[in-house]
Amino acid sequence: MSPANGHANGAAGSQSSQTTRPLAAAGVPDVLAPQFSSRTVQELVAELEVPFDPAVIEWRVTNTTKDKTRGQVIPYADQRAYTDRLNALVTPAGWTRKYAIHTSANFQRGQDQRIVAKVLVTCELTIFGLGSHSATGEEWADNDNAGTAAEAQAFKRTCSCFGLGRYLYYFSGVWVDLDERKRPKSIPRLFGWATPQGWRQGLRPGQEADITLSNPAGGENGVGASATDGRRANPEELNALVVQIEAMAEPLGRRLYRGLLKTVARVWNPTEIREADVLRKALEQMQSAERGLLRLKAALNKIKPETLVPILRSLRLNSLEQVDSLETLKRVVLEVERAAGTR
């Protein structure tokens, strides 16, 4: 990573002292941390949501054509950019994190049929006076850097719960030419909303599409609101819906995401959908599923792990990963909430 990480978020540190001063003084146990006014909380969250400086953004190849001459790239930031932002906003004393490392049982990997385990790392991030969130990262155990990779993934996913780096989830990939080492020959230009300046000017996903490289699989990669009822959707609006749907893949999980697509449109990929109404319906179903998963997570925190087993068996499920429809998710949520005494 280039030294630019050291000053990646200089603009973010220029917020009012009303936000930074209480947090800087909050380098104490969370129970002793001051309570912030709603205005201060809003200011802090707004600063966390500001995109990273483009100088620290890198591009990862996620898919390639069969001849390996073109690849689909998505932007990402090294975890040091995340820590730089937190340090700039709340000082190193204003936040802390802790990790828990686990290893799954060995199982057969679908990609190459090898028997291998996964390294699972859970990160809990606390911003004193604001709260705590946790998330899990994972990597195959046969990766020499499995622990480091899973740790970084967990940390960045946790940061996104506070809004930090969340904007990166709106990118679905851009197709570019690759060199002989499978590296991008050119770097896409970021949307205006994906820069600190554009974000502070009020730009948000879907309000512009200024990427310079074409994406043959799905047009330009903007994200925005669906077409107004009664008005025919143009290609940009259709693509905006596609990108919003693709952004739901990670929070929903592969099984549920693909199950909803199959139920609504009988496709595996939203780029295959040509009707705006179908895209809107798919997005609504996924947003509903995301809310259901949040309810499920809250209820699971109130019951013992073993309580979940008979609930899943009653629904003919071996794990939550097998949930592939909104109806099944609803039944699981209701049963878990009943067991937790929240219904």
Protein backbone atom coordinates (compact mmCIF):
# COMPACT_ATOMS: atom_id res chain seq x y z
CA MET A 1 0.00 0.00 0.00
CA SER A 2 1.31 3.43 -0.81
CA PRO A 3 2.20 5.96 1.91
CA ALA A 4 -0.91 7.90 0.89
CA ASN A 5 -2.78 5.95 3.56
CA GLY A 6 -1.17 8.16 6.14
CA HIS A 7 -3.17 11.13 4.95
CA ALA A 8 -6.03 9.42 3.21
CA ASN A 9 -8.68 11.10 5.25
CA GLY A 10 -7.31 14.50 6.05
CA ALA A 11 -10.55 16.16 5.03
CA ALA A 12 -12.49 13.97 7.41
CA GLY A 13 -10.49 15.31 10.33
CA SER A 14 -11.62 18.87 9.72
CA GLN A 15 -15.00 18.45 11.40
CA SER A 16 -16.12 20.67 14.24
CA SER A 17 -14.61 20.29 17.69
CA GLN A 18 -18.07 19.52 18.99
CA THR A 19 -17.64 16.01 17.62
CA THR A 20 -13.96 15.33 18.19
CA ARG A 21 -13.49 16.80 21.66
CA PRO A 22 -15.97 14.58 23.55
CA LEU A 23 -14.69 11.49 21.73
CA ALA A 24 -11.05 12.34 22.37
CA ALA A 25 -11.90 12.47 26.04
CA ALA A 26 -13.68 9.16 25.81
CA GLY A 27 -10.62 6.94 25.91
CA VAL A 28 -12.06 5.32 29.01
CA PRO A 29 -14.23 2.26 29.60
CA ASP A 30 -17.42 2.50 27.58
CA VAL A 31 -19.59 2.63 30.67
CA LEU A 32 -17.91 5.91 31.62
CA ALA A 33 -18.10 7.42 28.13
CA PRO A 34 -20.17 10.60 27.77
CA GLN A 35 -23.57 10.56 26.16
CA PHE A 36 -23.67 12.49 22.91
CA SER A 37 -26.45 14.70 21.71
CA SER A 38 -28.32 13.47 18.66
CA ARG A 39 -26.70 16.27 16.66
CA THR A 40 -23.20 15.15 17.65
CA VAL A 41 -24.00 11.55 16.76
CA GLN A 42 -25.33 12.62 13.36
CA GLU A 43 -22.19 14.67 12.69
CA LEU A 44 -19.91 11.78 13.59
CA VAL A 45 -21.82 9.24 11.50
CA ALA A 46 -21.83 11.70 8.59
CA GLU A 47 -18.04 11.98 8.78
CA LEU A 48 -17.64 8.21 8.97
CA GLU A 49 -19.69 7.83 5.78
CA VAL A 50 -17.47 10.16 3.72
CA PRO A 51 -15.63 8.15 0.99
CA PHE A 52 -11.89 7.60 1.19
CA ASP A 53 -9.48 9.75 -0.78
CA PRO A 54 -9.16 8.24 -4.30
CA ALA A 55 -5.37 8.06 -3.75
CA VAL A 56 -5.81 5.11 -1.37
CA ILE A 57 -8.34 3.22 -3.48
CA GLU A 58 -7.07 0.07 -5.20
CA TRP A 59 -8.79 -2.22 -7.68
CA ARG A 60 -9.19 -5.99 -7.38
CA VAL A 61 -9.92 -8.33 -10.29
CA THR A 62 -12.87 -10.54 -9.37
CA ASN A 63 -13.81 -12.17 -12.70
CA THR A 64 -12.06 -12.70 -16.03
CA THR A 65 -13.01 -13.77 -19.52
CA LYS A 66 -11.99 -17.24 -20.65
CA ASP A 67 -8.96 -15.91 -22.50
CA LYS A 68 -7.93 -13.81 -19.45
CA THR A 69 -7.60 -10.66 -21.55
CA ARG A 70 -10.40 -8.80 -19.77
CA GLY A 71 -11.40 -8.72 -16.15
CA GLN A 72 -14.05 -7.26 -13.89
CA VAL A 73 -12.57 -5.00 -11.21
CA ILE A 74 -14.02 -3.52 -8.02
CA PRO A 75 -12.54 -0.84 -5.74
CA TYR A 76 -11.38 -1.48 -2.20
CA ALA A 77 -9.30 0.18 0.51
CA ASP A 78 -6.62 -1.33 2.72
CA GLN A 79 -7.64 -1.66 6.37
CA ARG A 80 -5.06 1.00 7.26
CA ALA A 81 -7.27 3.56 5.52
CA TYR A 82 -10.04 2.57 7.92
CA THR A 83 -7.85 2.96 10.99
CA ASP A 84 -6.57 6.30 9.66
CA ARG A 85 -10.16 7.56 9.41
CA LEU A 86 -11.01 6.43 12.93
CA ASN A 87 -7.83 7.97 14.35
CA ALA A 88 -8.51 11.25 12.55
CA LEU A 89 -12.08 11.45 13.80
CA VAL A 90 -11.90 10.17 17.37
CA THR A 91 -8.14 9.84 18.10
CA PRO A 92 -6.53 6.43 18.81
CA ALA A 93 -7.92 6.62 22.36
CA GLY A 94 -11.49 7.01 21.13
CA TRP A 95 -11.95 3.53 19.71
CA THR A 96 -10.85 -0.06 20.21
CA ARG A 97 -11.31 -3.48 18.63
CA LYS A 98 -10.91 -7.09 19.63
CA TYR A 99 -10.80 -10.32 17.67
CA ALA A 100 -11.95 -13.89 18.23
CA ILE A 101 -10.50 -16.60 15.98
CA HIS A 102 -12.18 -19.92 15.19
CA THR A 103 -11.64 -22.74 12.73
CA SER A 104 -14.45 -24.67 11.09
CA ALA A 105 -14.52 -28.42 10.62
CA ASN A 106 -12.98 -29.78 7.42
CA PHE A 107 -15.36 -30.06 4.48
CA GLN A 108 -15.14 -30.51 0.72
CA ARG A 109 -14.61 -27.30 -1.19
CA GLY A 110 -16.80 -27.06 -4.28
CA GLN A 111 -14.23 -25.24 -6.38
CA ASP A 112 -11.55 -27.94 -6.44
CA GLN A 113 -13.09 -30.76 -4.35
CA ARG A 114 -10.32 -30.48 -1.74
CA ILE A 115 -11.00 -31.22 1.92
CA VAL A 116 -10.16 -28.05 3.81
CA ALA A 117 -11.28 -25.97 6.80
CA LYS A 118 -12.03 -22.27 7.08
CA VAL A 119 -10.51 -19.71 9.41
CA LEU A 120 -13.22 -17.50 10.90
CA VAL A 121 -12.37 -14.22 12.61
CA THR A 122 -14.91 -12.11 14.47
CA CYS A 123 -14.08 -8.46 15.06
CA GLU A 124 -15.84 -6.30 17.64
CA LEU A 125 -15.32 -2.58 17.08
CA THR A 126 -16.20 -0.06 19.78
CA ILE A 127 -16.30 3.69 19.27
CA PHE A 128 -16.53 5.06 22.79
CA GLY A 129 -19.72 6.96 23.35
CA LEU A 130 -21.22 5.76 20.08
CA GLY A 131 -21.51 2.00 20.48
CA SER A 132 -20.18 -1.36 19.32
CA HIS A 133 -20.67 -3.58 16.30
CA SER A 134 -19.23 -6.94 15.29
CA ALA A 135 -18.82 -8.87 12.05
CA THR A 136 -17.05 -12.00 10.83
CA GLY A 137 -14.45 -12.52 8.11
CA GLU A 138 -13.44 -15.87 6.64
CA GLU A 139 -10.72 -17.43 4.53
CA TRP A 140 -9.71 -20.93 3.47
CA ALA A 141 -7.23 -22.43 5.91
CA ASP A 142 -4.86 -23.52 3.13
CA ASN A 143 -4.14 -19.85 2.38
CA ASP A 144 -0.80 -18.93 3.96
CA ASN A 145 -2.28 -15.57 4.97
CA ALA A 146 -5.69 -16.89 6.02
CA GLY A 147 -5.64 -15.26 9.45
CA THR A 148 -4.57 -11.86 8.14
CA ALA A 149 -7.10 -11.91 5.31
CA ALA A 150 -10.00 -12.97 7.53
CA GLU A 151 -9.02 -10.37 10.15
CA ALA A 152 -8.98 -7.54 7.60
CA GLN A 153 -12.32 -8.65 6.16
CA ALA A 154 -13.92 -8.82 9.59
CA PHE A 155 -12.60 -5.38 10.59
CA LYS A 156 -13.78 -3.69 7.41
CA ARG A 157 -17.20 -5.35 7.59
CA THR A 158 -17.55 -4.12 11.16
CA CYS A 159 -16.56 -0.60 10.16
CA SER A 160 -19.29 -0.63 7.50
CA CYS A 161 -21.86 -1.12 10.27
CA PHE A 162 -20.93 2.40 11.41
CA GLY A 163 -21.05 3.64 7.79
CA LEU A 164 -17.27 3.67 7.29
CA GLY A 165 -16.47 2.26 3.84
CA ARG A 166 -20.10 1.34 3.29
CA TYR A 167 -20.22 3.23 -0.02
CA LEU A 168 -17.89 0.64 -1.57
CA TYR A 169 -20.73 -1.90 -1.49
CA TYR A 170 -22.49 0.04 -4.24
CA PHE A 171 -19.92 -1.02 -6.85
CA SER A 172 -20.63 -4.16 -8.84
CA GLY A 173 -17.56 -4.18 -11.09
CA VAL A 174 -16.24 -2.64 -14.28
CA TRP A 175 -14.74 -4.59 -17.21
CA VAL A 176 -11.23 -3.54 -18.24
CA ASP A 177 -8.36 -4.94 -20.31
CA LEU A 178 -5.76 -7.00 -18.43
CA ASP A 179 -2.03 -7.34 -19.03
CA GLU A 180 -0.12 -10.63 -19.22
CA ARG A 181 0.03 -10.76 -15.40
CA LYS A 182 -3.75 -10.33 -15.14
CA ARG A 183 -3.44 -6.78 -13.86
CA PRO A 184 -5.72 -3.93 -15.06
CA LYS A 185 -4.15 -1.95 -17.91
CA SER A 186 -6.22 1.09 -16.94
CA ILE A 187 -7.88 2.30 -13.76
CA PRO A 188 -11.56 3.30 -13.84
CA ARG A 189 -12.47 6.81 -12.82
CA LEU A 190 -14.59 6.89 -9.68
CA PHE A 191 -18.09 8.26 -9.57
CA GLY A 192 -18.32 11.78 -8.15
CA TRP A 193 -20.25 10.45 -5.15
CA ALA A 194 -17.37 8.08 -4.41
CA THR A 195 -14.98 10.96 -3.66
CA PRO A 196 -14.86 13.10 -0.48
CA GLN A 197 -15.51 16.28 -2.46
CA GLY A 198 -18.52 14.94 -4.34
CA TRP A 199 -20.01 13.36 -1.24
CA ARG A 200 -19.72 16.58 0.75
CA GLN A 201 -21.42 18.42 -2.11
CA GLY A 202 -24.42 16.16 -1.65
CA LEU A 203 -23.85 13.63 -4.44
CA ARG A 204 -25.10 10.16 -3.68
CA PRO A 205 -25.26 6.84 -5.58
CA GLY A 206 -27.58 7.12 -8.55
CA GLN A 207 -27.28 10.87 -9.07
CA GLU A 208 -24.56 10.61 -11.70
CA ALA A 209 -22.77 8.05 -13.85
CA ASP A 210 -19.34 9.35 -14.78
CA ILE A 211 -17.24 6.23 -15.05
CA THR A 212 -15.07 6.35 -18.17
CA LEU A 213 -14.72 2.65 -18.94
CA SER A 214 -17.54 0.59 -20.36
CA ASN A 215 -19.04 -2.46 -18.71
CA PRO A 216 -20.39 -4.79 -21.41
CA ALA A 217 -22.15 -6.94 -18.85
CA GLY A 218 -24.33 -4.23 -17.44
CA GLY A 219 -23.66 -0.75 -18.71
CA GLU A 220 -22.56 1.96 -16.32
CA ASN A 221 -22.36 1.22 -12.65
CA GLY A 222 -24.46 3.91 -11.01
CA VAL A 223 -26.85 3.22 -8.17
CA GLY A 224 -30.08 5.13 -7.81
CA ALA A 225 -33.78 5.21 -7.24
CA SER A 226 -36.10 3.20 -9.41
CA ALA A 227 -38.11 4.82 -12.15
CA THR A 228 -41.16 6.76 -11.14
CA ASP A 229 -44.41 4.82 -11.40
CA GLY A 230 -46.11 5.38 -14.72
CA ARG A 231 -42.90 6.37 -16.51
CA ARG A 232 -40.91 4.00 -18.70
CA ALA A 233 -37.51 3.20 -17.20
CA ASN A 234 -34.48 4.16 -19.28
CA PRO A 235 -31.32 1.99 -19.48
CA GLU A 236 -29.59 4.03 -16.76
CA GLU A 237 -32.45 3.45 -14.34
CA LEU A 238 -32.55 -0.25 -15.15
CA ASN A 239 -28.84 -0.52 -14.48
CA ALA A 240 -29.24 1.42 -11.24
CA LEU A 241 -31.72 -1.19 -10.04
CA VAL A 242 -29.37 -4.00 -11.07
CA VAL A 243 -26.51 -2.49 -9.07
CA GLN A 244 -28.71 -2.03 -6.01
CA ILE A 245 -29.73 -5.68 -6.24
CA GLU A 246 -26.13 -6.85 -6.66
CA ALA A 247 -25.17 -4.88 -3.55
CA MET A 248 -27.57 -7.11 -1.57
CA ALA A 249 -25.61 -10.29 -2.32
CA GLU A 250 -23.21 -9.98 0.62
CA PRO A 251 -25.65 -8.97 3.39
CA LEU A 252 -28.12 -11.68 2.33
CA GLY A 253 -25.68 -14.48 1.62
CA ARG A 254 -25.37 -16.45 -1.60
CA ARG A 255 -28.16 -18.98 -0.94
CA LEU A 256 -30.87 -16.49 0.01
CA TYR A 257 -29.79 -13.96 -2.63
CA ARG A 258 -29.95 -16.45 -5.47
CA GLY A 259 -33.12 -18.03 -4.08
CA LEU A 260 -34.94 -14.70 -4.20
CA LEU A 261 -33.74 -14.05 -7.76
CA LYS A 262 -34.92 -17.49 -8.81
CA THR A 263 -38.31 -17.02 -7.16
CA VAL A 264 -39.00 -13.56 -8.55
CA ALA A 265 -37.46 -13.78 -12.02
CA ARG A 266 -36.19 -17.35 -12.58
CA VAL A 267 -32.65 -16.09 -13.17
CA TRP A 268 -29.34 -16.36 -11.32
CA ASN A 269 -28.07 -12.92 -12.29
CA PRO A 270 -30.05 -9.64 -12.15
CA THR A 271 -28.39 -8.46 -15.39
CA GLU A 272 -30.59 -11.02 -17.16
CA ILE A 273 -33.74 -9.15 -16.08
CA ARG A 274 -35.00 -6.64 -18.64
CA GLU A 275 -38.22 -5.42 -16.97
CA ALA A 276 -38.04 -2.59 -14.45
CA ASP A 277 -41.06 -3.87 -12.52
CA VAL A 278 -39.42 -7.25 -12.01
CA LEU A 279 -36.20 -5.60 -10.86
CA ARG A 280 -38.11 -3.45 -8.38
CA LYS A 281 -39.95 -6.49 -7.05
CA ALA A 282 -36.68 -8.38 -6.60
CA LEU A 283 -35.13 -5.42 -4.79
CA GLU A 284 -38.15 -5.06 -2.50
CA GLN A 285 -37.99 -8.76 -1.63
CA MET A 286 -34.28 -8.48 -0.81
CA GLN A 287 -34.75 -5.39 1.31
CA SER A 288 -37.49 -7.19 3.19
CA ALA A 289 -35.16 -10.17 3.66
CA GLU A 290 -32.41 -7.88 4.98
CA ARG A 291 -34.80 -6.50 7.58
CA GLY A 292 -35.77 -10.05 8.50
CA LEU A 293 -32.13 -11.01 9.00
CA LEU A 294 -31.64 -8.05 11.33
CA ARG A 295 -34.64 -9.20 13.39
CA LEU A 296 -33.26 -12.73 13.40
CA LYS A 297 -29.85 -11.56 14.61
CA ALA A 298 -31.42 -9.60 17.46
CA ALA A 299 -33.52 -12.59 18.54
CA LEU A 300 -30.58 -15.02 18.32
CA ASN A 301 -28.67 -12.88 20.79
CA LYS A 302 -31.36 -13.66 23.37
CA ILE A 303 -31.35 -17.45 23.13
CA LYS A 304 -28.79 -20.18 23.65
CA PRO A 305 -27.22 -21.64 20.47
CA GLU A 306 -28.69 -25.07 21.14
CA THR A 307 -32.20 -23.59 21.12
CA LEU A 308 -31.89 -22.96 17.40
CA VAL A 309 -31.31 -26.62 16.48
CA PRO A 310 -34.86 -27.95 17.06
CA ILE A 311 -36.31 -24.86 15.39
CA LEU A 312 -34.32 -25.53 12.24
CA ARG A 313 -35.14 -29.24 12.31
CA SER A 314 -38.86 -28.46 12.57
CA LEU A 315 -38.48 -26.55 9.31
CA ARG A 316 -36.36 -29.31 7.75
CA LEU A 317 -33.21 -27.20 7.81
CA ASN A 318 -29.74 -28.16 8.98
CA SER A 319 -28.43 -24.59 9.21
CA LEU A 320 -29.43 -20.99 8.59
CA GLU A 321 -27.34 -21.07 5.42
CA GLN A 322 -30.05 -23.25 3.85
CA VAL A 323 -32.67 -20.51 4.02
CA ASP A 324 -33.38 -19.62 0.40
CA SER A 325 -36.77 -17.91 0.39
CA LEU A 326 -38.56 -15.04 2.09
CA GLU A 327 -41.27 -17.36 3.37
CA THR A 328 -38.76 -19.73 5.01
CA LEU A 329 -36.89 -16.79 6.53
CA LYS A 330 -40.14 -15.43 7.94
CA ARG A 331 -40.93 -18.76 9.60
CA VAL A 332 -37.47 -18.97 11.12
CA VAL A 333 -37.65 -15.41 12.43
CA LEU A 334 -41.06 -15.95 14.01
CA GLU A 335 -40.01 -19.20 15.70
CA VAL A 336 -36.75 -17.72 17.05
CA GLU A 337 -38.54 -14.61 18.30
CA ARG A 338 -41.09 -16.84 20.00
CA ALA A 339 -38.30 -18.78 21.70
CA ALA A 340 -36.66 -15.52 22.74
CA GLY A 341 -39.90 -14.28 24.22
CA THR A 342 -40.11 -11.26 21.97
CA ARG A 343 -43.44 -12.24 20.46
